[in-house]
Amino acid sequence: RYTVFDARNSRVEVNANLARAELRVPLMEWRKAAGDAGRVDVTILLENGLIKSVPNFDVLAGDLTVRGDVVYSPGGLGLDRVNLKKVLFGRTEVAGAVIARPDGGWEIGLQGAELDFSPLWQRLLHDRPGQDDLTLPNLTVVVELDKMWVDKKQFLAGVSGTFVHKQGIWRTMLLDSKINGGPVLNVNLAPDNDGNRILVMKADNAGDTLRFFDLFENMQGGKLELRGRYDDAALMRPLRGKLRVVDYRVRKAPMLTRVLSIMALTGIVDALTGEGLSFAELDVPFTYTEGEVQIDEAKATGTSIGFTASGTIYTHADVLNIEGTVVPAYALNSLLGKIPLLGNILTGNEDGGGVFAANFAISGPIEDPKTTVNPLTALTPGILRNLFGAFKGEERQPLLQQAPQTLD
């Protein structure tokens, strides 16, 4: 229906059946197939033949309901703002606004009970497009939500967040939330004075946080802090930093169990498979690029045992190659290594090492890696243990021709 009020002003009212239309919102991976029921009701006000405003629109298509209005810039200069009074589909129930920016980007503000953020979450974590290879524009998303879904089962509760996508990457992320409604997770990602992004993450429960990001299943409790810096001038934009966790337990960790089983540390294995091993501190210096995590002299310390480790985890291939040292009776063992002069001889200047320790290597598929422990190093002072390393090729074979023990 087209109504003319005077020489300048008119109105168009549209009521359309969308059943034969296919509708897609690639950004949120939503789609209505042709044949599914749908309709749209829109009122458009015109001034001098140009759109002045859309005082109301109502879309019902598949499981999608959107109600709102649209404001246009004066003089027909284009869309200025979309007010979303109600957006409902799937696990999303929000209201808010979409505002056009002069640079061609968009600002999106959303608040409400639930938002399915899972399509954008993977882009946010990995700085890469989604399944549809959609290139994101310059985009700022500000949310205040009771619940924000990040995949099919996991969510963040009490979310207050700001996400800024600019020049092809997520440059800013300010997030206060609770993992699955429980422990607090705070993330701060922002550029420094050189334009490289600084990442700081803090969490009340390290175990829940590592499981949330699908990094490690077997940690319980602990306080987590991660600090790192992206080199955004480099091709792969590597993230270099350190992960630190204090006062945690590890329970039923298969790779750790294999190493301890080879060393016949049955008491520690029983604790590991029972209530878990207690650790005071974990420090993991790392370099992360897409598909690869390099670990450099990571150290885990506890009363009953300690570890050092270095190597690479290939995240896309689910393959790892890690070498390190395990130190039984860590508290007493490492104390001996602190004796002036003598301690350096006994430990071989190995940070986190002990007087009596064994070298180990883990390589292959993460689900079923090959685990090797060199038995000749178990009771060898550290300075000699370095000579007995069995995992660096021909030049570092054991002095005695005794093969390392392996568990495949």
Protein backbone atom coordinates (compact mmCIF):
# COMPACT_ATOMS: atom_id res chain seq x y z
CA ARG A 1 0.00 0.00 0.00
CA TYR A 2 1.42 3.37 -1.15
CA THR A 3 0.01 6.54 0.43
CA VAL A 4 0.83 10.11 -0.65
CA PHE A 5 0.33 12.75 2.06
CA ASP A 6 1.61 15.84 0.25
CA ALA A 7 4.24 16.88 -2.26
CA ARG A 8 7.09 15.85 0.02
CA ASN A 9 5.84 13.01 2.24
CA SER A 10 4.57 9.53 1.47
CA ARG A 11 4.39 6.06 3.05
CA VAL A 12 4.86 2.50 1.85
CA GLU A 13 3.42 -0.47 3.77
CA VAL A 14 4.63 -3.92 2.75
CA ASN A 15 3.21 -7.28 3.84
CA ALA A 16 5.11 -10.12 2.17
CA ASN A 17 4.97 -13.91 2.27
CA LEU A 18 8.54 -15.28 2.61
CA ALA A 19 7.72 -18.97 2.27
CA ARG A 20 9.42 -19.26 -1.14
CA ALA A 21 12.46 -17.19 -0.09
CA GLU A 22 15.77 -18.48 1.23
CA LEU A 23 17.18 -16.23 3.96
CA ARG A 24 20.71 -16.30 5.37
CA VAL A 25 22.59 -14.45 8.13
CA PRO A 26 26.17 -15.68 7.53
CA LEU A 27 27.64 -13.84 10.51
CA MET A 28 25.53 -15.93 12.90
CA GLU A 29 25.34 -19.02 10.66
CA TRP A 30 21.53 -18.81 10.51
CA ARG A 31 19.47 -19.90 7.50
CA LYS A 32 15.85 -20.31 6.48
CA ALA A 33 15.35 -22.70 3.59
CA ALA A 34 12.95 -21.99 0.74
CA GLY A 35 9.66 -23.64 1.63
CA ASP A 36 9.79 -22.85 5.35
CA ALA A 37 7.04 -20.52 6.55
CA GLY A 38 7.88 -16.83 6.88
CA ARG A 39 6.52 -13.32 6.51
CA VAL A 40 7.63 -9.71 6.82
CA ASP A 41 5.65 -6.56 7.65
CA VAL A 42 7.41 -3.22 7.04
CA THR A 43 6.34 0.43 7.12
CA ILE A 44 8.59 2.89 5.24
CA LEU A 45 8.31 6.69 5.40
CA LEU A 46 9.57 8.66 2.37
CA GLU A 47 10.56 12.29 1.99
CA ASN A 48 11.10 13.67 -1.50
CA GLY A 49 11.23 10.11 -2.78
CA LEU A 50 14.03 9.05 -0.37
CA ILE A 51 13.71 6.81 2.68
CA LYS A 52 13.31 8.93 5.81
CA SER A 53 12.80 6.13 8.32
CA VAL A 54 11.32 2.69 8.91
CA PRO A 55 9.14 3.19 12.01
CA ASN A 56 8.53 -0.52 12.35
CA PHE A 57 9.46 -3.86 10.82
CA ASP A 58 8.46 -7.35 11.86
CA VAL A 59 10.11 -10.50 10.49
CA LEU A 60 8.92 -14.04 11.29
CA ALA A 61 10.86 -16.72 9.41
CA GLY A 62 11.55 -20.25 10.57
CA ASP A 63 12.59 -19.96 14.23
CA LEU A 64 13.59 -16.28 13.76
CA THR A 65 11.66 -13.34 15.16
CA VAL A 66 13.01 -9.80 14.69
CA ARG A 67 11.12 -6.64 15.59
CA GLY A 68 12.43 -3.10 15.49
CA ASP A 69 12.78 0.15 13.56
CA VAL A 70 15.36 1.84 11.32
CA VAL A 71 16.68 5.41 11.41
CA TYR A 72 18.17 6.96 8.25
CA SER A 73 20.56 9.90 8.02
CA PRO A 74 18.99 13.24 6.98
CA GLY A 75 18.93 14.03 3.27
CA GLY A 76 18.88 10.40 2.16
CA LEU A 77 22.52 9.79 3.09
CA GLY A 78 21.91 6.17 4.05
CA LEU A 79 21.20 3.93 6.98
CA ASP A 80 22.14 5.34 10.37
CA ARG A 81 20.82 2.92 13.00
CA VAL A 82 18.76 -0.24 13.38
CA ASN A 83 16.99 -0.55 16.72
CA LEU A 84 16.35 -4.17 17.61
CA LYS A 85 13.45 -4.39 20.02
CA LYS A 86 13.42 -8.18 19.92
CA VAL A 87 15.71 -10.79 18.36
CA LEU A 88 14.75 -14.40 18.97
CA PHE A 89 16.14 -17.53 17.30
CA GLY A 90 17.72 -20.76 18.51
CA ARG A 91 19.49 -20.01 21.79
CA THR A 92 19.38 -16.25 21.26
CA GLU A 93 17.00 -13.84 23.00
CA VAL A 94 18.34 -10.28 22.98
CA ALA A 95 17.57 -6.65 22.17
CA GLY A 96 19.90 -3.86 21.11
CA ALA A 97 21.04 -1.75 18.20
CA VAL A 98 23.24 -1.84 15.09
CA ILE A 99 24.88 1.49 14.26
CA ALA A 100 26.63 2.37 11.00
CA ARG A 101 30.03 4.05 11.26
CA PRO A 102 31.45 6.61 8.80
CA ASP A 103 34.35 4.23 7.97
CA GLY A 104 31.93 1.59 6.71
CA GLY A 105 32.15 -0.50 9.89
CA TRP A 106 29.44 -1.29 12.40
CA GLU A 107 28.83 -1.02 16.12
CA ILE A 108 26.58 -3.65 17.66
CA GLY A 109 25.19 -3.39 21.18
CA LEU A 110 23.23 -6.31 22.61
CA GLN A 111 21.71 -7.08 25.99
CA GLY A 112 19.38 -9.78 27.19
CA ALA A 113 18.97 -13.31 28.48
CA GLU A 114 20.93 -15.37 25.93
CA LEU A 115 23.15 -15.04 22.88
CA ASP A 116 24.51 -17.85 20.72
CA PHE A 117 27.99 -16.42 20.13
CA SER A 118 29.53 -19.72 18.99
CA PRO A 119 30.03 -18.75 15.29
CA LEU A 120 31.97 -15.62 16.29
CA TRP A 121 33.74 -17.32 19.21
CA GLN A 122 35.89 -19.53 16.99
CA ARG A 123 36.77 -16.53 14.82
CA LEU A 124 37.65 -14.62 17.98
CA LEU A 125 39.97 -17.33 19.32
CA HIS A 126 41.74 -18.16 16.08
CA ASP A 127 41.71 -14.91 14.04
CA ARG A 128 40.33 -16.84 11.09
CA PRO A 129 37.03 -16.94 9.13
CA GLY A 130 34.27 -19.40 9.85
CA GLN A 131 32.98 -22.28 7.76
CA ASP A 132 31.56 -19.91 5.15
CA ASP A 133 34.86 -17.96 4.79
CA LEU A 134 33.00 -14.75 5.55
CA THR A 135 35.29 -11.74 5.78
CA LEU A 136 34.29 -9.65 8.78
CA PRO A 137 34.10 -5.86 8.41
CA ASN A 138 35.46 -3.46 10.98
CA LEU A 139 33.19 -4.33 13.85
CA THR A 140 32.65 -3.44 17.50
CA VAL A 141 30.42 -5.71 19.58
CA VAL A 142 29.38 -4.66 23.10
CA VAL A 143 27.35 -7.14 25.14
CA GLU A 144 25.66 -7.33 28.54
CA LEU A 145 24.20 -10.82 28.80
CA ASP A 146 22.95 -13.29 31.36
CA LYS A 147 24.35 -16.14 29.24
CA MET A 148 26.56 -16.30 26.14
CA TRP A 149 26.92 -19.69 24.43
CA VAL A 150 30.36 -20.45 22.97
CA ASP A 151 29.61 -23.97 21.67
CA LYS A 152 26.86 -26.59 21.90
CA LYS A 153 27.31 -27.20 25.64
CA GLN A 154 29.46 -24.46 27.19
CA PHE A 155 28.57 -20.89 28.03
CA LEU A 156 29.73 -17.81 29.89
CA ALA A 157 27.37 -16.27 32.46
CA GLY A 158 27.10 -12.71 33.73
CA VAL A 159 28.89 -11.48 30.62
CA SER A 160 30.09 -7.92 30.22
CA GLY A 161 32.22 -7.68 27.10
CA THR A 162 33.63 -5.52 24.33
CA PHE A 163 35.06 -7.08 21.14
CA VAL A 164 36.71 -4.98 18.42
CA HIS A 165 37.49 -6.42 14.98
CA LYS A 166 39.67 -4.17 12.84
CA GLN A 167 41.81 -4.69 9.74
CA GLY A 168 41.16 -8.41 9.65
CA ILE A 169 41.86 -9.36 13.29
CA TRP A 170 40.29 -9.00 16.73
CA ARG A 171 42.31 -6.17 18.20
CA THR A 172 40.49 -5.69 21.50
CA MET A 173 38.69 -8.07 23.83
CA LEU A 174 37.55 -6.98 27.29
CA LEU A 175 35.60 -9.73 29.00
CA ASP A 176 34.27 -10.23 32.53
CA SER A 177 32.33 -13.47 32.96
CA LYS A 178 31.80 -16.76 34.80
CA ILE A 179 32.60 -20.10 33.17
CA ASN A 180 29.39 -22.11 32.87
CA GLY A 181 27.99 -19.93 35.65
CA GLY A 182 30.79 -20.87 38.08
CA PRO A 183 34.38 -19.57 38.41
CA VAL A 184 35.32 -16.07 37.28
CA LEU A 185 37.15 -15.57 33.97
CA ASN A 186 38.60 -12.17 33.03
CA VAL A 187 40.27 -11.50 29.67
CA ASN A 188 41.97 -8.29 28.57
CA LEU A 189 43.32 -8.05 25.03
CA ALA A 190 44.37 -4.61 23.77
CA PRO A 191 47.08 -3.00 21.60
CA ASP A 192 50.16 -1.47 23.23
CA ASN A 193 51.94 1.69 22.09
CA ASP A 194 53.65 -0.25 19.28
CA GLY A 195 50.36 -1.63 17.97
CA ASN A 196 51.06 -5.18 19.15
CA ARG A 197 48.33 -6.78 21.22
CA ILE A 198 48.90 -7.59 24.90
CA LEU A 199 46.89 -10.48 26.35
CA VAL A 200 46.17 -10.92 30.07
CA MET A 201 43.87 -13.69 31.28
CA LYS A 202 43.00 -14.45 34.90
CA ALA A 203 40.76 -17.22 36.23
CA ASP A 204 39.64 -18.40 39.66
CA ASN A 205 39.68 -22.07 38.63
CA ALA A 206 42.50 -23.15 36.32
CA GLY A 207 41.11 -26.65 35.74
CA ASP A 208 37.69 -25.42 34.63
CA THR A 209 39.33 -22.76 32.44
CA LEU A 210 41.64 -25.20 30.62
CA ARG A 211 38.71 -27.56 30.02
CA PHE A 212 36.60 -24.65 28.78
CA PHE A 213 39.21 -23.84 26.12
CA ASP A 214 39.68 -27.58 25.39
CA LEU A 215 43.36 -27.46 26.39
CA PHE A 216 43.74 -29.94 29.30
CA GLU A 217 41.14 -32.19 30.90
CA ASN A 218 42.91 -33.43 34.01
CA MET A 219 43.64 -30.39 36.19
CA GLN A 220 41.54 -29.66 39.28
CA GLY A 221 41.34 -26.22 40.91
CA GLY A 222 44.20 -23.74 40.92
CA LYS A 223 44.53 -20.03 40.21
CA LEU A 224 45.47 -19.19 36.62
CA GLU A 225 47.20 -16.21 35.08
CA LEU A 226 48.34 -15.92 31.46
CA ARG A 227 50.32 -13.00 30.09
CA GLY A 228 51.53 -12.69 26.53
CA ARG A 229 52.26 -10.39 23.59
CA TYR A 230 51.35 -10.86 19.94
CA ASP A 231 53.92 -9.90 17.32
CA ASP A 232 51.35 -8.46 14.92
CA ALA A 233 54.02 -7.28 12.48
CA ALA A 234 55.08 -10.89 11.84
CA LEU A 235 53.38 -13.02 9.20
CA MET A 236 51.83 -15.59 11.57
CA ARG A 237 51.28 -13.08 14.40
CA PRO A 238 52.85 -15.35 17.07
CA LEU A 239 51.79 -15.01 20.68
CA ARG A 240 54.69 -15.30 23.15
CA GLY A 241 53.97 -15.49 26.84
CA LYS A 242 53.80 -17.51 30.04
CA LEU A 243 51.01 -19.50 31.67
CA ARG A 244 51.21 -19.71 35.47
CA VAL A 245 49.02 -21.84 37.76
CA VAL A 246 49.35 -22.20 41.54
CA ASP A 247 47.87 -24.68 44.05
CA TYR A 248 46.29 -27.26 41.77
CA ARG A 249 45.89 -31.02 41.44
CA VAL A 250 46.29 -33.34 38.47
CA ARG A 251 44.14 -36.44 38.27
CA LYS A 252 43.99 -39.30 35.76
CA ALA A 253 46.41 -37.78 33.25
CA PRO A 254 47.24 -40.66 30.85
CA MET A 255 50.60 -39.39 29.57
CA LEU A 256 51.83 -38.57 33.06
CA THR A 257 50.68 -41.98 34.28
CA ARG A 258 52.72 -43.68 31.54
CA VAL A 259 55.94 -41.90 32.57
CA LEU A 260 55.46 -42.70 36.26
CA SER A 261 54.53 -46.32 35.51
CA ILE A 262 57.76 -46.89 33.58
CA MET A 263 59.70 -45.51 36.55
CA ALA A 264 57.78 -47.91 38.85
CA LEU A 265 56.65 -45.03 41.09
CA THR A 266 53.55 -46.98 42.11
CA GLY A 267 52.65 -44.82 45.09
CA ILE A 268 52.57 -41.67 43.00
CA VAL A 269 50.64 -43.47 40.24
CA ASP A 270 48.04 -44.57 42.80
CA ALA A 271 47.67 -40.98 43.99
CA LEU A 272 47.41 -39.74 40.42
CA THR A 273 44.62 -42.16 39.55
CA GLY A 274 42.90 -41.56 42.89
CA GLU A 275 42.38 -38.15 44.43
CA GLY A 276 45.13 -36.64 42.29
CA LEU A 277 48.65 -35.29 42.69
CA SER A 278 49.08 -31.93 44.37
CA PHE A 279 51.30 -29.29 42.75
CA ALA A 280 52.33 -25.91 44.12
CA GLU A 281 53.19 -24.16 40.87
CA LEU A 282 53.18 -24.54 37.09
CA ASP A 283 55.11 -22.20 34.76
CA VAL A 284 54.81 -22.71 31.01
CA PRO A 285 56.70 -20.28 28.72
CA PHE A 286 55.19 -20.72 25.26
CA THR A 287 54.97 -19.43 21.71
CA TYR A 288 51.62 -19.92 19.97
CA THR A 289 50.96 -19.72 16.25
CA GLU A 290 48.01 -21.12 14.35
CA GLY A 291 48.32 -24.89 14.57
CA GLU A 292 51.41 -25.01 16.80
CA VAL A 293 52.38 -24.42 20.43
CA GLN A 294 56.08 -24.40 21.33
CA ILE A 295 56.92 -24.97 25.01
CA ASP A 296 60.29 -23.83 26.34
CA GLU A 297 61.47 -25.17 29.72
CA ALA A 298 58.09 -25.51 31.38
CA LYS A 299 58.24 -26.46 35.05
CA ALA A 300 55.74 -28.09 37.44
CA THR A 301 56.66 -28.43 41.12
CA GLY A 302 55.03 -30.34 43.95
CA THR A 303 56.01 -31.97 47.23
CA SER A 304 56.07 -35.52 45.87
CA ILE A 305 57.20 -34.93 42.29
CA GLY A 306 58.35 -32.29 39.82
CA PHE A 307 58.66 -32.02 36.04
CA THR A 308 60.41 -30.00 33.41
CA ALA A 309 59.38 -30.12 29.74
CA SER A 310 60.13 -28.59 26.35
CA GLY A 311 58.83 -29.34 22.89
CA THR A 312 56.01 -28.73 20.42
CA ILE A 313 52.29 -29.50 20.30
CA TYR A 314 50.77 -29.52 16.79
CA THR A 315 47.17 -28.57 17.57
CA HIS A 316 45.71 -29.08 14.08
CA ALA A 317 47.24 -32.54 13.72
CA ASP A 318 46.75 -33.50 17.42
CA VAL A 319 50.39 -34.58 17.57
CA LEU A 320 53.03 -33.74 20.18
CA ASN A 321 56.78 -34.04 20.63
CA ILE A 322 57.82 -33.33 24.23
CA GLU A 323 61.06 -34.02 26.14
CA GLY A 324 61.72 -33.40 29.79
CA THR A 325 62.76 -34.55 33.23
CA VAL A 326 60.78 -36.06 36.08
CA VAL A 327 62.04 -35.55 39.64
CA PRO A 328 60.67 -37.91 42.35
CA ALA A 329 60.44 -36.64 45.95
CA TYR A 330 60.78 -33.14 44.49
CA ALA A 331 60.85 -31.14 47.75
CA LEU A 332 63.82 -33.06 49.22
CA ASN A 333 65.45 -33.75 45.87
CA SER A 334 65.55 -30.14 44.70
CA LEU A 335 66.66 -28.97 48.15
CA LEU A 336 69.87 -30.94 47.71
CA GLY A 337 70.37 -29.21 44.38
CA LYS A 338 70.44 -25.80 46.12
CA ILE A 339 73.65 -26.58 48.02
CA PRO A 340 76.24 -23.95 46.91
CA LEU A 341 78.63 -25.21 44.21
CA LEU A 342 77.80 -28.86 44.88
CA GLY A 343 74.17 -28.29 43.91
CA ASN A 344 75.13 -27.09 40.43
CA ILE A 345 77.27 -30.18 39.91
CA LEU A 346 74.50 -32.48 41.07
CA THR A 347 71.71 -30.91 39.01
CA GLY A 348 73.69 -29.91 35.94
CA ASN A 349 72.33 -26.32 36.23
CA GLU A 350 68.93 -27.58 35.12
CA ASP A 351 66.20 -25.13 36.16
CA GLY A 352 63.65 -27.14 38.11
CA GLY A 353 65.78 -30.27 38.02
CA GLY A 354 66.86 -32.40 40.97
CA VAL A 355 69.73 -34.57 42.04
CA PHE A 356 67.94 -37.80 41.17
CA ALA A 357 65.76 -37.54 38.11
CA ALA A 358 64.97 -39.30 34.84
CA ASN A 359 64.73 -38.01 31.28
CA PHE A 360 61.53 -38.79 29.36
CA ALA A 361 60.13 -38.20 25.88
CA ILE A 362 56.54 -38.28 24.63
CA SER A 363 55.84 -38.19 20.90
CA GLY A 364 53.11 -39.07 18.43
CA PRO A 365 49.30 -38.69 18.37
CA ILE A 366 47.91 -37.06 21.50
CA GLU A 367 45.37 -39.87 21.93
CA ASP A 368 48.05 -42.60 21.96
CA PRO A 369 51.62 -41.26 22.07
CA LYS A 370 54.83 -43.21 22.48
CA THR A 371 56.37 -42.68 25.92
CA THR A 372 60.07 -43.29 26.60
CA VAL A 373 62.02 -43.05 29.87
CA ASN A 374 65.80 -43.48 30.08
CA PRO A 375 66.45 -45.78 33.11
CA LEU A 376 70.14 -44.91 33.22
CA THR A 377 69.36 -41.34 34.28
CA ALA A 378 67.05 -42.13 37.21
CA LEU A 379 69.78 -42.28 39.86
CA THR A 380 72.41 -40.19 38.07
CA PRO A 381 73.44 -36.72 39.31
CA GLY A 382 72.21 -34.00 36.98
CA ILE A 383 75.55 -33.08 35.40
CA LEU A 384 76.00 -36.72 34.31
CA ARG A 385 72.34 -37.17 33.41
CA ASN A 386 72.78 -34.67 30.59
CA LEU A 387 75.45 -36.96 29.16
CA PHE A 388 73.10 -39.94 29.44
CA GLY A 389 70.25 -38.31 27.45
CA ALA A 390 68.82 -40.80 24.99
CA PHE A 391 66.57 -38.59 22.91
CA LYS A 392 68.86 -36.25 20.93
CA GLY A 393 70.24 -38.58 18.30
CA GLU A 394 73.49 -40.51 17.91
CA GLU A 395 75.70 -37.99 19.69
CA ARG A 396 73.73 -38.37 22.95
CA GLN A 397 73.28 -42.15 23.18
CA PRO A 398 73.75 -43.73 26.66
CA LEU A 399 77.35 -44.49 27.59
CA LEU A 400 76.25 -48.07 28.30
CA GLN A 401 74.47 -49.98 25.55
CA GLN A 402 71.20 -50.37 27.42
CA ALA A 403 68.06 -49.38 25.54
CA PRO A 404 65.52 -47.02 27.12
CA GLN A 405 62.23 -48.47 28.32
CA THR A 406 59.19 -47.56 26.27
CA LEU A 407 55.46 -47.85 26.66
CA ASP A 408 53.50 -47.67 23.40
